Protein backbone atom coordinates (compact mmCIF):
# COMPACT_ATOMS: atom_id res chain seq x y z
CA UNK A 1 -120.09 13.84 78.77
CA UNK A 2 -123.76 12.78 78.81
CA UNK A 3 -124.31 14.55 75.49
CA UNK A 4 -121.33 12.72 74.01
CA UNK A 5 -122.69 9.39 75.25
CA UNK A 6 -126.08 10.11 73.71
CA UNK A 7 -124.47 11.06 70.39
CA UNK A 8 -122.32 7.94 70.44
CA UNK A 9 -125.36 5.73 70.96
CA UNK A 10 -127.16 7.34 68.02
CA UNK A 11 -124.09 7.08 65.81
CA UNK A 12 -123.69 3.42 66.76
CA UNK A 13 -127.28 2.69 65.72
CA UNK A 14 -126.81 4.52 62.41
CA UNK A 15 -123.55 2.68 61.74
CA UNK A 16 -125.14 -0.68 62.56
CA UNK A 17 -127.76 -0.03 59.90
CA UNK A 18 -124.96 0.42 57.36
CA UNK A 19 -123.16 -2.85 58.14
CA UNK A 20 -125.02 -5.28 55.82
CA UNK A 21 -124.48 -3.07 52.78
CA UNK A 22 -120.89 -2.38 53.87
CA UNK A 23 -120.07 -6.10 53.93
CA UNK A 24 -121.22 -6.44 50.32
CA UNK A 25 -119.30 -3.31 49.39
CA UNK A 26 -116.16 -4.71 51.05
CA UNK A 27 -116.32 -7.85 48.91
CA UNK A 28 -116.36 -5.70 45.77
CA UNK A 29 -113.43 -3.64 47.06
CA UNK A 30 -111.39 -6.76 47.83
CA UNK A 31 -112.04 -7.98 44.28
CA UNK A 32 -109.94 -5.05 42.99
CA UNK A 33 -106.33 -6.35 42.98
CA UNK A 34 -104.76 -3.15 44.30
CA UNK A 35 -101.20 -4.48 44.61
CA UNK A 36 -98.88 -1.53 45.18
CA UNK A 37 -95.43 -1.36 43.62
CA UNK A 38 -96.55 -3.51 40.68
CA UNK A 39 -96.75 -1.78 37.28
CA UNK A 40 -99.27 -4.32 36.01
CA UNK A 41 -101.57 -3.49 38.94
CA UNK A 42 -101.20 0.30 38.86
CA UNK A 43 -104.59 0.72 37.18
CA UNK A 44 -106.19 -1.49 39.84
CA UNK A 45 -104.75 0.68 42.62
CA UNK A 46 -106.27 3.73 40.93
CA UNK A 47 -109.57 1.87 40.59
CA UNK A 48 -109.57 0.95 44.29
CA UNK A 49 -109.02 4.63 45.12
CA UNK A 50 -111.93 5.73 42.92
CA UNK A 51 -114.09 3.04 44.53
CA UNK A 52 -113.52 4.39 48.04
CA UNK A 53 -113.82 8.01 46.88
CA UNK A 54 -117.36 7.26 45.69
CA UNK A 55 -118.21 5.96 49.16
CA UNK A 56 -116.60 8.91 50.95
CA UNK A 57 -118.60 11.40 48.91
CA UNK A 58 -121.76 10.05 50.52
CA UNK A 59 -120.85 11.65 53.84
CA UNK A 60 -117.62 13.70 53.64
CA UNK A 61 -117.63 17.47 53.30
CA UNK A 62 -114.56 17.37 51.04
CA UNK A 63 -112.70 14.60 49.22
CA UNK A 64 -109.38 14.96 47.44
CA UNK A 65 -107.18 12.47 45.60
CA UNK A 66 -103.48 13.30 45.85
CA UNK A 67 -101.54 11.61 43.03
CA UNK A 68 -98.01 10.44 43.84
CA UNK A 69 -95.41 8.49 41.89
CA UNK A 70 -96.12 5.43 44.06
CA UNK A 71 -99.93 5.52 44.10
CA UNK A 72 -102.89 7.75 45.00
CA UNK A 73 -103.60 9.01 48.50
CA UNK A 74 -107.19 9.92 49.36
CA UNK A 75 -107.91 12.73 51.82
CA UNK A 76 -111.40 13.40 53.11
CA UNK A 77 -112.79 15.75 55.76
CA UNK A 78 -115.96 14.89 57.64
CA UNK A 79 -117.48 17.93 59.30
CA UNK A 80 -117.74 17.76 63.09
CA UNK A 81 -120.15 19.49 65.42
CA UNK A 82 -117.44 21.75 66.82
CA UNK A 83 -114.93 22.54 64.07
CA UNK A 84 -113.07 24.93 66.38
CA UNK A 85 -111.61 21.96 68.25
CA UNK A 86 -108.66 19.91 66.94
CA UNK A 87 -109.62 17.26 64.42
CA UNK A 88 -109.02 13.52 64.64
CA UNK A 89 -107.09 11.81 61.83
CA UNK A 90 -108.18 8.31 60.82
CA UNK A 91 -105.57 6.51 58.68
CA UNK A 92 -105.71 3.27 56.69
CA UNK A 93 -104.55 1.86 53.37
CA UNK A 94 -106.22 0.47 50.26
CA UNK A 95 -103.20 -1.28 48.73
CA UNK A 96 -102.39 -4.94 49.32
CA UNK A 97 -99.51 -7.37 49.10
CA UNK A 98 -99.20 -9.73 46.11
CA UNK A 99 -101.41 -12.78 46.53
CA UNK A 100 -98.66 -15.42 46.36
CA UNK A 101 -99.43 -19.13 46.25
CA UNK A 102 -101.14 -21.62 48.54
CA UNK A 103 -104.66 -20.16 48.56
CA UNK A 104 -107.69 -22.41 48.94
CA UNK A 105 -109.94 -19.65 47.60
CA UNK A 106 -109.27 -17.14 44.79
CA UNK A 107 -107.46 -14.21 46.47
CA UNK A 108 -109.29 -11.55 44.48
CA UNK A 109 -112.63 -13.31 44.23
CA UNK A 110 -113.78 -13.07 47.87
CA UNK A 111 -115.48 -16.13 49.33
CA UNK A 112 -117.67 -16.10 52.42
CA UNK A 113 -117.78 -19.21 54.59
CA UNK A 114 -120.01 -18.73 57.60
CA UNK A 115 -118.86 -15.62 59.37
CA UNK A 116 -115.46 -15.55 57.60
CA UNK A 117 -114.70 -13.56 54.45
CA UNK A 118 -111.57 -14.74 52.58
CA UNK A 119 -109.59 -12.55 50.20
CA UNK A 120 -106.40 -10.52 49.91
CA UNK A 121 -106.85 -7.33 51.92
CA UNK A 122 -109.85 -8.63 53.87
CA UNK A 123 -108.10 -7.76 57.13
CA UNK A 124 -104.97 -5.90 55.98
CA UNK A 125 -106.27 -3.31 55.60
CA UNK A 126 -109.50 -2.91 53.66
CA UNK A 127 -111.72 -4.61 56.23
CA UNK A 128 -110.28 -2.83 59.25
CA UNK A 129 -110.27 0.50 57.43
CA UNK A 130 -113.88 0.05 56.37
CA UNK A 131 -114.92 -0.34 60.02
CA UNK A 132 -113.63 3.19 60.57
CA UNK A 133 -115.35 4.52 57.46
CA UNK A 134 -118.69 3.02 58.48
CA UNK A 135 -118.27 4.43 61.98
CA UNK A 136 -117.60 7.94 60.70
CA UNK A 137 -120.50 7.65 58.25
CA UNK A 138 -122.68 6.67 61.20
CA UNK A 139 -121.58 9.82 63.02
CA UNK A 140 -122.27 11.92 59.90
CA UNK A 141 -125.82 10.53 59.74
CA UNK A 142 -126.66 11.93 63.21
CA UNK A 143 -125.21 15.42 62.84
CA UNK A 144 -121.50 14.74 62.71
CA UNK A 145 -118.78 13.54 65.08
CA UNK A 146 -117.81 15.77 68.00
CA UNK A 147 -114.94 17.32 65.99
CA UNK A 148 -113.84 17.16 62.37
CA UNK A 149 -112.46 13.82 61.23
CA UNK A 150 -109.79 13.81 58.52
CA UNK A 151 -109.54 10.44 56.76
CA UNK A 152 -106.22 9.54 55.11
CA UNK A 153 -106.31 6.49 52.84
CA UNK A 154 -102.91 5.45 51.58
CA UNK A 155 -102.38 3.73 48.23
CA UNK A 156 -98.82 2.58 48.91
CA UNK A 157 -98.48 1.54 52.57
CA UNK A 158 -97.28 -1.93 51.65
CA UNK A 159 -94.23 -0.45 49.91
CA UNK A 160 -93.33 2.02 52.64
CA UNK A 161 -95.72 4.94 51.92
CA UNK A 162 -93.18 6.92 49.87
CA UNK A 163 -95.68 9.67 48.95
CA UNK A 164 -97.46 9.98 52.29
CA UNK A 165 -95.40 12.71 53.95
CA UNK A 166 -96.11 15.12 51.10
CA UNK A 167 -99.83 14.38 51.21
CA UNK A 168 -99.97 14.91 54.98
CA UNK A 169 -98.47 18.37 54.55
CA UNK A 170 -101.70 19.39 52.78
CA UNK A 171 -103.64 18.96 56.04
CA UNK A 172 -103.46 22.39 57.64
CA UNK A 173 -106.00 22.27 60.46
CA UNK A 174 -104.95 21.45 64.05
CA UNK A 175 -104.96 17.73 64.85
CA UNK A 176 -105.71 16.40 68.32
CA UNK A 177 -105.31 12.64 67.82
CA UNK A 178 -104.42 10.04 65.19
CA UNK A 179 -106.13 6.64 65.03
CA UNK A 180 -105.52 3.66 62.77
CA UNK A 181 -106.34 -0.04 62.65
CA UNK A 182 -103.76 -2.02 60.69
CA UNK A 183 -102.78 -4.61 63.28
CA UNK A 184 -104.28 -7.73 64.85
CA UNK A 185 -106.20 -8.49 68.00
CA UNK A 186 -104.10 -9.74 70.90
CA UNK A 187 -106.24 -12.85 71.08
CA UNK A 188 -109.70 -13.75 69.77
CA UNK A 189 -112.33 -11.13 70.65
CA UNK A 190 -109.73 -8.96 72.42
CA UNK A 191 -108.43 -5.86 70.59
CA UNK A 192 -104.82 -4.80 70.98
CA UNK A 193 -103.22 -1.42 71.43
CA UNK A 194 -99.73 -1.51 69.95
CA UNK A 195 -97.34 0.67 71.94
CA UNK A 196 -94.09 -0.18 70.16
CA UNK A 197 -92.96 -1.35 66.76
CA UNK A 198 -89.54 -2.22 65.44
CA UNK A 199 -87.69 -0.22 62.83
CA UNK A 200 -86.86 -1.75 59.47
CA UNK A 201 -84.17 -1.76 56.79
CA UNK A 202 -84.59 -3.73 53.58
CA UNK A 203 -81.58 -4.47 51.41
CA UNK A 204 -80.81 -6.38 48.23
CA UNK A 205 -77.30 -7.81 47.87
CA UNK A 206 -75.87 -9.48 44.77
CA UNK A 207 -72.53 -11.24 44.34
CA UNK A 208 -71.57 -11.37 40.65
CA UNK A 209 -68.52 -13.32 39.43
CA UNK A 210 -68.96 -12.42 35.74
CA UNK A 211 -69.10 -14.80 32.83
CA UNK A 212 -71.57 -17.61 32.13
CA UNK A 213 -72.61 -20.52 34.33
CA UNK A 214 -70.05 -23.32 34.04
CA UNK A 215 -69.86 -27.09 34.55
CA UNK A 216 -69.51 -27.88 38.26
CA UNK A 217 -67.30 -30.91 37.58
CA UNK A 218 -64.93 -29.28 35.12
CA UNK A 219 -64.62 -25.92 36.86
CA UNK A 220 -65.77 -26.47 40.44
CA UNK A 221 -62.98 -25.46 42.82
CA UNK A 222 -61.40 -23.16 40.26
CA UNK A 223 -64.19 -20.65 39.72
CA UNK A 224 -65.62 -18.56 42.51
CA UNK A 225 -69.03 -19.75 43.68
CA UNK A 226 -71.22 -16.66 44.21
CA UNK A 227 -73.63 -18.59 46.43
CA UNK A 228 -70.88 -19.44 48.92
CA UNK A 229 -69.55 -15.88 48.83
CA UNK A 230 -73.07 -14.59 49.46
CA UNK A 231 -73.54 -17.04 52.33
CA UNK A 232 -70.42 -15.65 54.00
CA UNK A 233 -71.67 -12.09 53.51
CA UNK A 234 -75.03 -12.97 55.07
CA UNK A 235 -73.31 -14.60 58.06
CA UNK A 236 -71.26 -11.43 58.67
CA UNK A 237 -74.36 -9.26 58.45
CA UNK A 238 -76.20 -11.55 60.88
CA UNK A 239 -73.37 -11.13 63.41
CA UNK A 240 -73.73 -7.35 63.17
CA UNK A 241 -77.45 -7.63 63.84
CA UNK A 242 -76.99 -10.10 66.72
CA UNK A 243 -74.68 -7.66 68.53
CA UNK A 244 -77.19 -4.79 68.51
CA UNK A 245 -78.50 -4.00 72.02
CA UNK A 246 -82.11 -4.81 72.85
CA UNK A 247 -84.72 -2.35 74.07
CA UNK A 248 -86.63 -2.90 77.31
CA UNK A 249 -89.99 -4.63 77.02
CA UNK A 250 -92.86 -2.19 76.60
CA UNK A 251 -96.02 -4.29 76.95
CA UNK A 252 -97.67 -7.67 77.17
CA UNK A 253 -95.98 -10.80 75.89
CA UNK A 254 -97.24 -12.70 72.90
CA UNK A 255 -94.77 -15.59 72.87
CA UNK A 256 -97.34 -18.37 72.94
CA UNK A 257 -99.35 -16.71 70.18
CA UNK A 258 -96.21 -16.37 68.07
CA UNK A 259 -95.44 -20.05 68.46
CA UNK A 260 -98.98 -21.02 67.42
CA UNK A 261 -99.16 -18.63 64.48
CA UNK A 262 -95.77 -19.61 63.07
CA UNK A 263 -96.79 -23.28 62.68
CA UNK A 264 -93.13 -24.16 62.14
CA UNK A 265 -89.87 -24.66 63.94
CA UNK A 266 -88.93 -21.69 66.11
CA UNK A 267 -85.87 -20.76 68.10
CA UNK A 268 -85.47 -21.53 71.75
CA UNK A 269 -85.58 -18.58 74.10
CA UNK A 270 -87.77 -15.59 74.83
CA UNK A 271 -89.91 -15.27 71.70
CA UNK A 272 -91.33 -11.96 72.91
CA UNK A 273 -87.89 -10.37 73.06
CA UNK A 274 -86.74 -12.02 69.84
CA UNK A 275 -89.69 -10.58 67.91
CA UNK A 276 -90.34 -7.20 69.56
CA UNK A 277 -87.35 -5.70 71.37
CA UNK A 278 -84.33 -7.31 69.69
CA UNK A 279 -82.97 -6.90 66.21
CA UNK A 280 -83.45 -9.65 63.64
CA UNK A 281 -82.30 -10.45 60.12
CA UNK A 282 -84.41 -12.50 57.72
CA UNK A 283 -83.55 -13.54 54.17
CA UNK A 284 -86.85 -13.16 52.36
CA UNK A 285 -85.60 -13.94 48.85
CA UNK A 286 -82.65 -16.07 47.76
CA UNK A 287 -81.76 -16.64 44.10
CA UNK A 288 -78.85 -18.33 42.34
CA UNK A 289 -78.49 -20.52 39.27
CA UNK A 290 -81.24 -22.69 37.87
CA UNK A 291 -79.22 -25.18 35.82
CA UNK A 292 -78.47 -28.45 37.66
CA UNK A 293 -74.78 -29.29 37.74
CA UNK A 294 -73.65 -25.75 36.93
CA UNK A 295 -71.94 -23.12 39.06
CA UNK A 296 -74.01 -19.94 38.56
CA UNK A 297 -72.64 -16.56 37.67
CA UNK A 298 -74.44 -14.61 40.41
CA UNK A 299 -76.43 -14.99 43.59
CA UNK A 300 -78.85 -12.51 45.14
CA UNK A 301 -80.52 -12.17 48.54
CA UNK A 302 -83.15 -9.73 49.77
CA UNK A 303 -82.80 -8.96 53.47
CA UNK A 304 -85.37 -7.75 55.97
CA UNK A 305 -83.65 -6.31 59.03
CA UNK A 306 -85.82 -5.34 62.02
CA UNK A 307 -84.40 -3.06 64.69
CA UNK A 308 -85.25 -2.39 68.34
CA UNK A 309 -87.96 0.29 68.50
CA UNK A 310 -85.72 3.10 69.78
CA UNK A 311 -82.78 2.43 67.44
CA UNK A 312 -82.14 4.73 64.49
CA UNK A 313 -81.79 2.78 61.22
CA UNK A 314 -79.35 5.36 59.89
CA UNK A 315 -76.79 4.35 62.51
CA UNK A 316 -76.99 0.65 61.66
CA UNK A 317 -77.06 0.81 57.86
CA UNK A 318 -73.32 1.58 57.26
CA UNK A 319 -72.20 -1.36 59.43
CA UNK A 320 -74.53 -3.71 57.57
CA UNK A 321 -73.25 -2.58 54.18
CA UNK A 322 -69.62 -2.94 55.30
CA UNK A 323 -70.29 -6.46 56.55
CA UNK A 324 -71.89 -7.47 53.27
CA UNK A 325 -69.01 -6.11 51.23
CA UNK A 326 -66.10 -7.17 53.44
CA UNK A 327 -64.15 -10.36 52.84
CA UNK A 328 -65.51 -11.08 49.35
CA UNK A 329 -62.89 -12.02 46.78
CA UNK A 330 -61.70 -8.88 44.95
CA UNK A 331 -62.47 -10.41 41.55
CA UNK A 332 -66.14 -10.71 42.46
CA UNK A 333 -68.45 -7.70 42.39
CA UNK A 334 -70.76 -7.06 45.34
CA UNK A 335 -73.67 -4.66 44.90
CA UNK A 336 -75.92 -3.57 47.76
CA UNK A 337 -79.07 -1.57 47.17
CA UNK A 338 -81.31 -0.19 49.88
CA UNK A 339 -85.06 -0.64 49.82
CA UNK A 340 -87.07 1.20 52.44
CA UNK A 341 -85.89 2.35 55.80
CA UNK A 342 -88.11 3.35 58.72
CA UNK A 343 -87.64 4.15 62.36
CA UNK A 344 -89.39 2.22 65.07
CA UNK A 345 -92.16 3.55 67.25
CA UNK A 346 -92.66 3.85 70.99
CA UNK A 347 -95.93 5.39 72.20
CA UNK A 348 -96.35 7.24 75.46
CA UNK A 349 -100.09 7.72 75.49
CA UNK A 350 -101.63 9.75 78.26
CA UNK A 351 -104.02 8.19 80.75
CA UNK A 352 -107.00 9.92 79.14
CA UNK A 353 -106.17 8.54 75.71
CA UNK A 354 -105.80 5.07 77.18
CA UNK A 355 -109.15 5.46 78.91
CA UNK A 356 -110.81 6.48 75.62
CA UNK A 357 -109.33 3.41 73.91
CA UNK A 358 -110.41 1.02 76.64
CA UNK A 359 -113.92 2.51 76.72
CA UNK A 360 -114.21 2.00 72.97
CA UNK A 361 -113.07 -1.61 73.16
CA UNK A 362 -115.48 -2.30 76.00
CA UNK A 363 -118.28 -0.83 73.88
CA UNK A 364 -117.39 -2.95 70.87
CA UNK A 365 -115.93 -6.18 72.23
CA UNK A 366 -116.82 -6.18 75.92
CA UNK A 367 -113.08 -6.29 76.63
CA UNK A 368 -110.48 -3.56 77.10
CA UNK A 369 -107.52 -3.46 74.75
CA UNK A 370 -104.41 -5.41 75.70
CA UNK A 371 -101.24 -3.39 75.25
CA UNK A 372 -98.70 -5.19 73.04
CA UNK A 373 -95.30 -4.64 71.52
CA UNK A 374 -95.09 -5.52 67.85
CA UNK A 375 -92.26 -6.93 65.83
CA UNK A 376 -93.72 -5.40 62.67
CA UNK A 377 -93.03 -2.00 61.20
CA UNK A 378 -95.41 0.53 59.66
CA UNK A 379 -93.41 3.43 58.17
CA UNK A 380 -96.60 5.51 57.96
CA UNK A 381 -96.81 5.58 61.77
CA UNK A 382 -93.62 7.60 62.05
CA UNK A 383 -94.75 9.95 59.29
CA UNK A 384 -98.08 10.54 61.00
CA UNK A 385 -96.37 11.22 64.32
CA UNK A 386 -93.90 13.64 62.73
CA UNK A 387 -96.63 15.46 60.80
CA UNK A 388 -99.06 15.94 63.69
CA UNK A 389 -97.01 15.63 66.87
CA UNK A 390 -99.08 12.80 68.35
CA UNK A 391 -98.25 9.16 68.85
CA UNK A 392 -100.84 7.37 66.67
CA UNK A 393 -103.28 5.06 68.42
CA UNK A 394 -102.67 1.65 66.80
CA UNK A 395 -105.89 -0.19 67.55
CA UNK A 396 -105.69 -3.81 66.38
CA UNK A 397 -109.07 -5.07 65.20
CA UNK A 398 -108.09 -7.77 62.68
CA UNK A 399 -108.41 -11.45 63.65
CA UNK A 400 -105.58 -12.64 65.88
CA UNK A 401 -104.54 -15.05 63.10
CA UNK A 402 -105.78 -13.16 60.04
CA UNK A 403 -103.10 -14.67 57.74
CA UNK A 404 -102.27 -11.23 56.40
CA UNK A 405 -99.49 -11.30 53.76
CA UNK A 406 -100.02 -15.05 53.39
CA UNK A 407 -102.56 -17.34 51.73
CA UNK A 408 -106.19 -17.47 52.88
CA UNK A 409 -106.26 -14.04 54.52
CA UNK A 410 -109.62 -13.50 56.12
CA UNK A 411 -111.87 -11.18 58.12
CA UNK A 412 -114.31 -12.31 60.79
CA UNK A 413 -117.55 -10.51 59.94
CA UNK A 414 -118.84 -10.83 63.49
CA UNK A 415 -115.71 -9.00 64.58
CA UNK A 416 -116.34 -6.46 61.84
CA UNK A 417 -119.61 -5.53 63.58
CA UNK A 418 -117.74 -5.24 66.88
CA UNK A 419 -115.04 -3.18 65.19
CA UNK A 420 -117.60 -0.72 63.84
CA UNK A 421 -118.99 -0.21 67.36
CA UNK A 422 -115.47 0.25 68.68
CA UNK A 423 -114.61 2.80 66.01
CA UNK A 424 -117.83 4.76 66.65
CA UNK A 425 -116.83 5.05 70.29
CA UNK A 426 -113.21 5.95 69.66
CA UNK A 427 -114.13 8.85 67.37
CA UNK A 428 -116.57 10.07 70.00
CA UNK A 429 -114.33 9.63 73.04
CA UNK A 430 -110.83 10.39 71.83
CA UNK A 431 -112.02 13.68 70.36
CA UNK A 432 -113.72 14.81 73.56
CA UNK A 433 -111.63 13.41 76.37
CA UNK A 434 -110.25 16.55 78.04
CA UNK A 435 -106.51 16.90 77.73
CA UNK A 436 -104.06 18.32 80.29
CA UNK A 437 -105.17 21.87 79.55
CA UNK A 438 -108.83 21.29 78.81
CA UNK A 439 -108.30 20.60 75.11
CA UNK A 440 -109.01 17.38 73.22
CA UNK A 441 -106.94 14.39 74.26
CA UNK A 442 -103.41 14.28 72.93
CA UNK A 443 -101.73 11.14 71.68
CA UNK A 444 -98.56 11.85 73.62
CA UNK A 445 -97.78 13.53 76.87
CA UNK A 446 -99.75 13.36 80.07
CA UNK A 447 -99.30 10.32 82.28
CA UNK A 448 -97.21 7.59 80.69
CA UNK A 449 -98.23 3.96 80.77
CA UNK A 450 -98.53 2.91 84.38
CA UNK A 451 -99.39 -0.35 86.08
CA UNK A 452 -103.10 0.27 86.35
CA UNK A 453 -103.47 0.72 82.59
CA UNK A 454 -101.35 -2.15 81.32
CA UNK A 455 -103.84 -4.95 82.05
CA UNK A 456 -101.08 -7.53 82.18
CA UNK A 457 -102.27 -9.99 84.75
CA UNK A 458 -102.91 -8.43 88.17
CA UNK A 459 -106.49 -9.66 88.31
CA UNK A 460 -107.72 -7.53 91.19
CA UNK A 461 -106.13 -4.37 89.79
CA UNK A 462 -107.61 -5.05 86.37
CA UNK A 463 -111.09 -5.72 87.77
CA UNK A 464 -111.00 -2.49 89.77
CA UNK A 465 -109.88 -0.50 86.76
CA UNK A 466 -112.51 -2.01 84.48
CA UNK A 467 -115.23 -1.37 87.05
CA UNK A 468 -114.19 2.27 86.98
CA UNK A 469 -114.39 2.40 83.20
CA UNK A 470 -117.80 0.74 83.14
CA UNK A 471 -119.05 3.16 85.76
CA UNK A 472 -117.86 6.13 83.76
CA UNK A 473 -114.74 6.95 85.80
CA UNK A 474 -111.15 7.18 84.60
């Protein structure tokens, strides 16, 4: 363990030397509008992949670009000191969401204000991913990480990673752990470890009454109004979702943070449960006619349905479709098309993996990770778990209110430095923490979450546990 600690310290110094150049490089990467799922941005996604490939070739033993119909996936292997041991997979994504409106700075012309860097993808996920790349490059500069590191950089995560499973099948070497940072800190300067995520179903439903838009005064009451028919369909679907059973709570509550971040009216009740362990239905797009005084021909809604982490989306989908189709007038046509579908995620990390994570966060932030349940969904997480048999370590390093997917997304560059230190440690510790049979630490199995690892408020217990970590004891 002393040799690992010495190597980690050297890798941290080497990575720190790379940070100033990396910050400039990140700004250039953010300037590439790599919006996935957008034909007009397909060339930019390819450009963003080539940009990161050039960086990877500085320190990776092998780099490969896997083309898919939805965007490129970059695979890179960084040689470790002991290639006979299972490798660690580091995952992230280079694609971003569309910029949208409401920005105070140009979304693809990054602006730095003090320690904050604004731009689409600054936190989700180019900035967080770059912290891992710099950390691994730091390890490569001092002789390599303890084991091989396989970097997987997805070009289509924001649209459900449709080509990822095929790309992962090209990785043939044994994998001992999977790490990714595509989530937020639990609170400022305190990383999170996400131990559950909800599943997701996206649907588009259209009610079409045929014929042109007509005068609301002359024909209102006689013609079917597709907006009202759609409203009834949405209400039926919402009742289906409301009846779905909730999962038990898995980790720390974030209700107060949710209320602050929303900056809008919220429901009464347990916000933690409403956003992490219960199902929800949101209408993310709603379109009908645009001519004042006219009854439109058709109305369309795009639905985002989140499911309790342990619930299978395949079992819910038929009931949702039936609810959307039922009760609509037979002369109207209802079409329902499915977008992406992904199962939720519940991690059961062993005590040694948890210890490696907390050690890394102490090294980078001076704080252990807080375990959280997330209301979000990352389809890639399930694919990574299925491919390698380990629950991925979801280490949240982005700002607690990074405004990802909205206007004025940003990265705290002081946190970026902390994130690099954290990532250096995680690649050193998670690879070498002995597993149940003397192997590298596994992402699943071993001791499940227990009270002494949750860090949820028993002050004396937490202090005792942290003293043990700081003194080098698990």
